[in-house]
PDB file of N, CA and C in Angstrom:
ATOM      1  N   UNK A   1       0.824  -1.198   0.000  1.00  0.00           N
ATOM      2  CA  UNK A   1       0.000   0.000   0.000  1.00  0.00           C
ATOM      3  C   UNK A   1       0.867   1.261   0.000  1.00  0.00           C
ATOM      4  N   UNK A   2       1.989   1.233   0.715  1.00  0.00           N
ATOM      5  CA  UNK A   2       2.836   2.417   0.784  1.00  0.00           C
ATOM      6  C   UNK A   2       3.490   2.726  -0.560  1.00  0.00           C
ATOM      7  N   UNK A   3       3.759   1.693  -1.372  1.00  0.00           N
ATOM      8  CA  UNK A   3       4.320   1.925  -2.705  1.00  0.00           C
ATOM      9  C   UNK A   3       3.313   2.662  -3.574  1.00  0.00           C
ATOM     10  N   UNK A   4       2.050   2.278  -3.480  1.00  0.00           N
ATOM     11  CA  UNK A   4       1.004   2.938  -4.270  1.00  0.00           C
ATOM     12  C   UNK A   4       0.846   4.389  -3.837  1.00  0.00           C
ATOM     13  N   UNK A   5       0.898   4.638  -2.523  1.00  0.00           N
ATOM     14  CA  UNK A   5       0.779   6.011  -2.020  1.00  0.00           C
ATOM     15  C   UNK A   5       1.979   6.847  -2.467  1.00  0.00           C
ATOM     16  N   UNK A   6       3.161   6.284  -2.436  1.00  0.00           N
ATOM     17  CA  UNK A   6       4.357   6.983  -2.893  1.00  0.00           C
ATOM     18  C   UNK A   6       4.293   7.308  -4.373  1.00  0.00           C
ATOM     19  N   UNK A   7       3.801   6.388  -5.167  1.00  0.00           N
ATOM     20  CA  UNK A   7       3.661   6.605  -6.604  1.00  0.00           C
ATOM     21  C   UNK A   7       2.616   7.687  -6.880  1.00  0.00           C
ATOM     22  N   UNK A   8       1.527   7.668  -6.126  1.00  0.00           N
ATOM     23  CA  UNK A   8       0.493   8.694  -6.284  1.00  0.00           C
ATOM     24  C   UNK A   8       1.053  10.073  -5.954  1.00  0.00           C
ATOM     25  N   UNK A   9       1.857  10.179  -4.894  1.00  0.00           N
ATOM     26  CA  UNK A   9       2.480  11.450  -4.527  1.00  0.00           C
ATOM     27  C   UNK A   9       3.428  11.919  -5.625  1.00  0.00           C
ATOM     28  N   UNK A  10       4.168  10.992  -6.211  1.00  0.00           N
ATOM     29  CA  UNK A  10       5.097  11.324  -7.296  1.00  0.00           C
ATOM     30  C   UNK A  10       4.334  11.875  -8.507  1.00  0.00           C
ATOM     31  N   UNK A  11       3.236  11.247  -8.860  1.00  0.00           N
ATOM     32  CA  UNK A  11       2.422  11.701  -9.987  1.00  0.00           C
ATOM     33  C   UNK A  11       1.816  13.071  -9.691  1.00  0.00           C
ATOM     34  N   UNK A  12       1.349  13.273  -8.465  1.00  0.00           N
ATOM     35  CA  UNK A  12       0.776  14.547  -8.041  1.00  0.00           C
ATOM     36  C   UNK A  12       1.806  15.676  -8.174  1.00  0.00           C
ATOM     37  N   UNK A  13       3.016  15.447  -7.702  1.00  0.00           N
ATOM     38  CA  UNK A  13       4.085  16.447  -7.780  1.00  0.00           C
ATOM     39  C   UNK A  13       4.480  16.719  -9.228  1.00  0.00           C
ATOM     40  N   UNK A  14       4.569  15.672 -10.028  1.00  0.00           N
ATOM     41  CA  UNK A  14       4.914  15.833 -11.430  1.00  0.00           C
ATOM     42  C   UNK A  14       3.859  16.657 -12.161  1.00  0.00           C
ATOM     43  N   UNK A  15       2.594  16.433 -11.852  1.00  0.00           N
ATOM     44  CA  UNK A  15       1.519  17.212 -12.462  1.00  0.00           C
ATOM     45  C   UNK A  15       1.617  18.677 -12.054  1.00  0.00           C
ATOM     46  N   UNK A  16       1.938  18.949 -10.781  1.00  0.00           N
ATOM     47  CA  UNK A  16       2.101  20.335 -10.333  1.00  0.00           C
ATOM     48  C   UNK A  16       3.238  21.017 -11.082  1.00  0.00           C
ATOM     49  N   UNK A  17       4.341  20.310 -11.278  1.00  0.00           N
ATOM     50  CA  UNK A  17       5.469  20.879 -12.020  1.00  0.00           C
ATOM     51  C   UNK A  17       5.073  21.176 -13.472  1.00  0.00           C
ATOM     52  N   UNK A  18       4.309  20.284 -14.053  1.00  0.00           N
ATOM     53  CA  UNK A  18       3.843  20.485 -15.422  1.00  0.00           C
ATOM     54  C   UNK A  18       2.952  21.724 -15.505  1.00  0.00           C
ATOM     55  N   UNK A  19       2.049  21.901 -14.537  1.00  0.00           N
ATOM     56  CA  UNK A  19       1.155  23.053 -14.524  1.00  0.00           C
ATOM     57  C   UNK A  19       1.936  24.358 -14.335  1.00  0.00           C
ATOM     58  N   UNK A  20       2.945  24.356 -13.457  1.00  0.00           N
ATOM     59  CA  UNK A  20       3.768  25.552 -13.271  1.00  0.00           C
ATOM     60  C   UNK A  20       4.543  25.882 -14.537  1.00  0.00           C
ATOM     61  N   UNK A  21       5.047  24.877 -15.206  1.00  0.00           N
ATOM     62  CA  UNK A  21       5.763  25.095 -16.454  1.00  0.00           C
ATOM     63  C   UNK A  21       4.831  25.681 -17.514  1.00  0.00           C
ATOM     64  N   UNK A  22       3.661  25.117 -17.644  1.00  0.00           N
ATOM     65  CA  UNK A  22       2.680  25.614 -18.601  1.00  0.00           C
ATOM     66  C   UNK A  22       2.273  27.047 -18.259  1.00  0.00           C
ATOM     67  N   UNK A  23       2.014  27.316 -16.983  1.00  0.00           N
ATOM     68  CA  UNK A  23       1.646  28.664 -16.549  1.00  0.00           C
ATOM     69  C   UNK A  23       2.744  29.674 -16.839  1.00  0.00           C
ATOM     70  N   UNK A  24       3.999  29.269 -16.644  1.00  0.00           N
ATOM     71  CA  UNK A  24       5.126  30.154 -16.933  1.00  0.00           C
ATOM     72  C   UNK A  24       5.188  30.472 -18.423  1.00  0.00           C
ATOM     73  N   UNK A  25       5.015  29.465 -19.259  1.00  0.00           N
ATOM     74  CA  UNK A  25       5.029  29.690 -20.708  1.00  0.00           C
ATOM     75  C   UNK A  25       3.880  30.599 -21.138  1.00  0.00           C
ATOM     76  N   UNK A  26       2.704  30.416 -20.560  1.00  0.00           N
ATOM     77  CA  UNK A  26       1.573  31.280 -20.891  1.00  0.00           C
ATOM     78  C   UNK A  26       1.834  32.719 -20.451  1.00  0.00           C
ATOM     79  N   UNK A  27       2.422  32.891 -19.254  1.00  0.00           N
ATOM     80  CA  UNK A  27       2.770  34.226 -18.770  1.00  0.00           C
ATOM     81  C   UNK A  27       3.749  34.893 -19.727  1.00  0.00           C
ATOM     82  N   UNK A  28       4.777  34.162 -20.131  1.00  0.00           N
ATOM     83  CA  UNK A  28       5.800  34.696 -21.036  1.00  0.00           C
ATOM     84  C   UNK A  28       5.170  35.116 -22.364  1.00  0.00           C
ATOM     85  N   UNK A  29       4.286  34.297 -22.897  1.00  0.00           N
ATOM     86  CA  UNK A  29       3.624  34.633 -24.165  1.00  0.00           C
ATOM     87  C   UNK A  29       2.783  35.902 -24.056  1.00  0.00           C
ATOM     88  N   UNK A  30       2.158  36.127 -22.900  1.00  0.00           N
ATOM     89  CA  UNK A  30       1.305  37.296 -22.704  1.00  0.00           C
ATOM     90  C   UNK A  30       2.075  38.545 -22.304  1.00  0.00           C
ATOM     91  N   UNK A  31       3.359  38.431 -21.987  1.00  0.00           N
ATOM     92  CA  UNK A  31       4.121  39.559 -21.450  1.00  0.00           C
ATOM     93  C   UNK A  31       5.411  39.823 -22.221  1.00  0.00           C
ATOM     94  N   UNK A  32       5.298  39.846 -23.523  1.00  0.00           N
ATOM     95  CA  UNK A  32       6.402  40.234 -24.414  1.00  0.00           C
ATOM     96  C   UNK A  32       7.679  39.441 -24.160  1.00  0.00           C
ATOM     97  N   UNK A  33       7.536  38.149 -23.927  1.00  0.00           N
ATOM     98  CA  UNK A  33       8.658  37.220 -23.729  1.00  0.00           C
ATOM     99  C   UNK A  33       9.467  37.501 -22.463  1.00  0.00           C
ATOM    100  N   UNK A  34       8.860  38.145 -21.464  1.00  0.00           N
ATOM    101  CA  UNK A  34       9.518  38.392 -20.179  1.00  0.00           C
ATOM    102  C   UNK A  34       9.044  37.362 -19.162  1.00  0.00           C
ATOM    103  N   UNK A  35       9.979  36.871 -18.352  1.00  0.00           N
ATOM    104  CA  UNK A  35       9.629  35.981 -17.245  1.00  0.00           C
ATOM    105  C   UNK A  35       9.004  36.787 -16.114  1.00  0.00           C
ATOM    106  N   UNK A  36       8.243  36.137 -15.228  1.00  0.00           N
ATOM    107  CA  UNK A  36       7.721  36.853 -14.065  1.00  0.00           C
ATOM    108  C   UNK A  36       8.887  37.319 -13.190  1.00  0.00           C
ATOM    109  N   UNK A  37       8.743  38.478 -12.535  1.00  0.00           N
ATOM    110  CA  UNK A  37       9.828  38.942 -11.669  1.00  0.00           C
ATOM    111  C   UNK A  37      10.042  37.984 -10.501  1.00  0.00           C
ATOM    112  N   UNK A  38      11.288  37.838 -10.089  1.00  0.00           N
ATOM    113  CA  UNK A  38      11.599  36.954  -8.966  1.00  0.00           C
ATOM    114  C   UNK A  38      10.980  37.494  -7.687  1.00  0.00           C
ATOM    115  N   UNK A  39      11.175  38.787  -7.452  1.00  0.00           N
ATOM    116  CA  UNK A  39      10.587  39.430  -6.283  1.00  0.00           C
ATOM    117  C   UNK A  39      10.435  40.899  -6.601  1.00  0.00           C
ATOM    118  N   UNK A  40       9.341  41.479  -6.165  1.00  0.00           N
ATOM    119  CA  UNK A  40       9.058  42.869  -6.474  1.00  0.00           C
ATOM    120  C   UNK A  40       8.596  43.574  -5.215  1.00  0.00           C
ATOM    121  N   UNK A  41       9.158  44.735  -4.947  1.00  0.00           N
ATOM    122  CA  UNK A  41       8.733  45.542  -3.801  1.00  0.00           C
ATOM    123  C   UNK A  41       7.547  46.395  -4.222  1.00  0.00           C
ATOM    124  N   UNK A  42       6.492  46.348  -3.464  1.00  0.00           N
ATOM    125  CA  UNK A  42       5.294  47.121  -3.738  1.00  0.00           C
ATOM    126  C   UNK A  42       5.161  48.231  -2.702  1.00  0.00           C
ATOM    127  N   UNK A  43       4.307  49.230  -2.960  1.00  0.00           N
ATOM    128  CA  UNK A  43       4.102  50.295  -1.970  1.00  0.00           C
ATOM    129  C   UNK A  43       3.657  49.728  -0.625  1.00  0.00           C
ATOM    130  N   UNK A  44       3.930  50.447   0.415  1.00  0.00           N
ATOM    131  CA  UNK A  44       3.546  50.094   1.795  1.00  0.00           C
ATOM    132  C   UNK A  44       4.320  48.885   2.310  1.00  0.00           C
ATOM    133  N   UNK A  45       5.478  48.581   1.720  1.00  0.00           N
ATOM    134  CA  UNK A  45       6.325  47.527   2.244  1.00  0.00           C
ATOM    135  C   UNK A  45       5.935  46.113   1.864  1.00  0.00           C
ATOM    136  N   UNK A  46       4.924  45.950   1.027  1.00  0.00           N
ATOM    137  CA  UNK A  46       4.537  44.613   0.602  1.00  0.00           C
ATOM    138  C   UNK A  46       5.507  44.099  -0.453  1.00  0.00           C
ATOM    139  N   UNK A  47       5.724  42.817  -0.457  1.00  0.00           N
ATOM    140  CA  UNK A  47       6.546  42.190  -1.482  1.00  0.00           C
ATOM    141  C   UNK A  47       5.759  41.052  -2.106  1.00  0.00           C
ATOM    142  N   UNK A  48       6.056  40.783  -3.344  1.00  0.00           N
ATOM    143  CA  UNK A  48       5.402  39.686  -4.038  1.00  0.00           C
ATOM    144  C   UNK A  48       6.465  38.849  -4.743  1.00  0.00           C
ATOM    145  N   UNK A  49       6.150  37.621  -5.027  1.00  0.00           N
ATOM    146  CA  UNK A  49       7.101  36.751  -5.707  1.00  0.00           C
ATOM    147  C   UNK A  49       6.507  36.287  -7.036  1.00  0.00           C
ATOM    148  N   UNK A  50       7.274  35.537  -7.787  1.00  0.00           N
ATOM    149  CA  UNK A  50       6.863  35.061  -9.100  1.00  0.00           C
ATOM    150  C   UNK A  50       5.601  34.207  -9.038  1.00  0.00           C
ATOM    151  N   UNK A  51       5.365  33.532  -7.906  1.00  0.00           N
ATOM    152  CA  UNK A  51       4.211  32.637  -7.808  1.00  0.00           C
ATOM    153  C   UNK A  51       2.888  33.373  -8.001  1.00  0.00           C
ATOM    154  N   UNK A  52       2.772  34.574  -7.431  1.00  0.00           N
ATOM    155  CA  UNK A  52       1.511  35.305  -7.550  1.00  0.00           C
ATOM    156  C   UNK A  52       1.203  35.692  -8.989  1.00  0.00           C
ATOM    157  N   UNK A  53       2.225  35.835  -9.820  1.00  0.00           N
ATOM    158  CA  UNK A  53       2.007  36.172 -11.216  1.00  0.00           C
ATOM    159  C   UNK A  53       1.457  34.985 -12.007  1.00  0.00           C
ATOM    160  N   UNK A  54       1.697  33.782 -11.536  1.00  0.00           N
ATOM    161  CA  UNK A  54       1.250  32.595 -12.273  1.00  0.00           C
ATOM    162  C   UNK A  54      -0.124  32.101 -11.835  1.00  0.00           C
ATOM    163  N   UNK A  55      -0.657  32.612 -10.720  1.00  0.00           N
ATOM    164  CA  UNK A  55      -1.954  32.136 -10.231  1.00  0.00           C
ATOM    165  C   UNK A  55      -3.051  32.272 -11.285  1.00  0.00           C
ATOM    166  N   UNK A  56      -3.045  33.342 -12.067  1.00  0.00           N
ATOM    167  CA  UNK A  56      -4.076  33.520 -13.097  1.00  0.00           C
ATOM    168  C   UNK A  56      -3.970  32.488 -14.208  1.00  0.00           C
ATOM    169  N   UNK A  57      -2.812  31.875 -14.365  1.00  0.00           N
ATOM    170  CA  UNK A  57      -2.606  30.910 -15.433  1.00  0.00           C
ATOM    171  C   UNK A  57      -2.775  29.459 -14.964  1.00  0.00           C
ATOM    172  N   UNK A  58      -2.633  29.205 -13.668  1.00  0.00           N
ATOM    173  CA  UNK A  58      -2.757  27.835 -13.156  1.00  0.00           C
ATOM    174  C   UNK A  58      -3.875  27.702 -12.134  1.00  0.00           C
ATOM    175  N   UNK A  59      -4.527  28.785 -11.771  1.00  0.00           N
ATOM    176  CA  UNK A  59      -5.573  28.786 -10.761  1.00  0.00           C
ATOM    177  C   UNK A  59      -5.287  29.880  -9.751  1.00  0.00           C
ATOM    178  N   UNK A  60      -6.258  30.229  -8.955  1.00  0.00           N
ATOM    179  CA  UNK A  60      -6.092  31.347  -8.028  1.00  0.00           C
ATOM    180  C   UNK A  60      -5.592  30.918  -6.666  1.00  0.00           C
ATOM    181  N   UNK A  61      -5.604  29.648  -6.373  1.00  0.00           N
ATOM    182  CA  UNK A  61      -5.167  29.146  -5.077  1.00  0.00           C
ATOM    183  C   UNK A  61      -3.861  28.383  -5.223  1.00  0.00           C
ATOM    184  N   UNK A  62      -2.905  28.589  -4.311  1.00  0.00           N
ATOM    185  CA  UNK A  62      -1.696  27.766  -4.358  1.00  0.00           C
ATOM    186  C   UNK A  62      -2.036  26.299  -4.092  1.00  0.00           C
ATOM    187  N   UNK A  63      -1.342  25.402  -4.737  1.00  0.00           N
ATOM    188  CA  UNK A  63      -1.578  23.969  -4.574  1.00  0.00           C
ATOM    189  C   UNK A  63      -0.807  23.475  -3.373  1.00  0.00           C
ATOM    190  N   UNK A  64      -1.499  22.796  -2.443  1.00  0.00           N
ATOM    191  CA  UNK A  64      -0.872  22.277  -1.248  1.00  0.00           C
ATOM    192  C   UNK A  64      -0.596  20.785  -1.419  1.00  0.00           C
ATOM    193  N   UNK A  65       0.494  20.288  -0.861  1.00  0.00           N
ATOM    194  CA  UNK A  65       0.788  18.856  -0.984  1.00  0.00           C
ATOM    195  C   UNK A  65      -0.217  18.003  -0.204  1.00  0.00           C
ATOM    196  N   UNK A  66      -0.290  16.736  -0.546  1.00  0.00           N
ATOM    197  CA  UNK A  66      -1.204  15.803   0.141  1.00  0.00           C
ATOM    198  C   UNK A  66      -0.877  15.640   1.590  1.00  0.00           C
TER     199      UNK A  66
END
């Protein structure tokens, strides 16, 4: 049973990587061949990372592991 659970986790992670890759390519296509910024300082001391830029392309919620 543990082998099946491990394989399922591996497939789940691989699918997440595929979705992030696809989202990155879609972002690049929509933004003049620029990658999302690694980190950006916003007004009032807020910071954002590249992940927030991809949410519109892969979904609005971050994916949590099993």
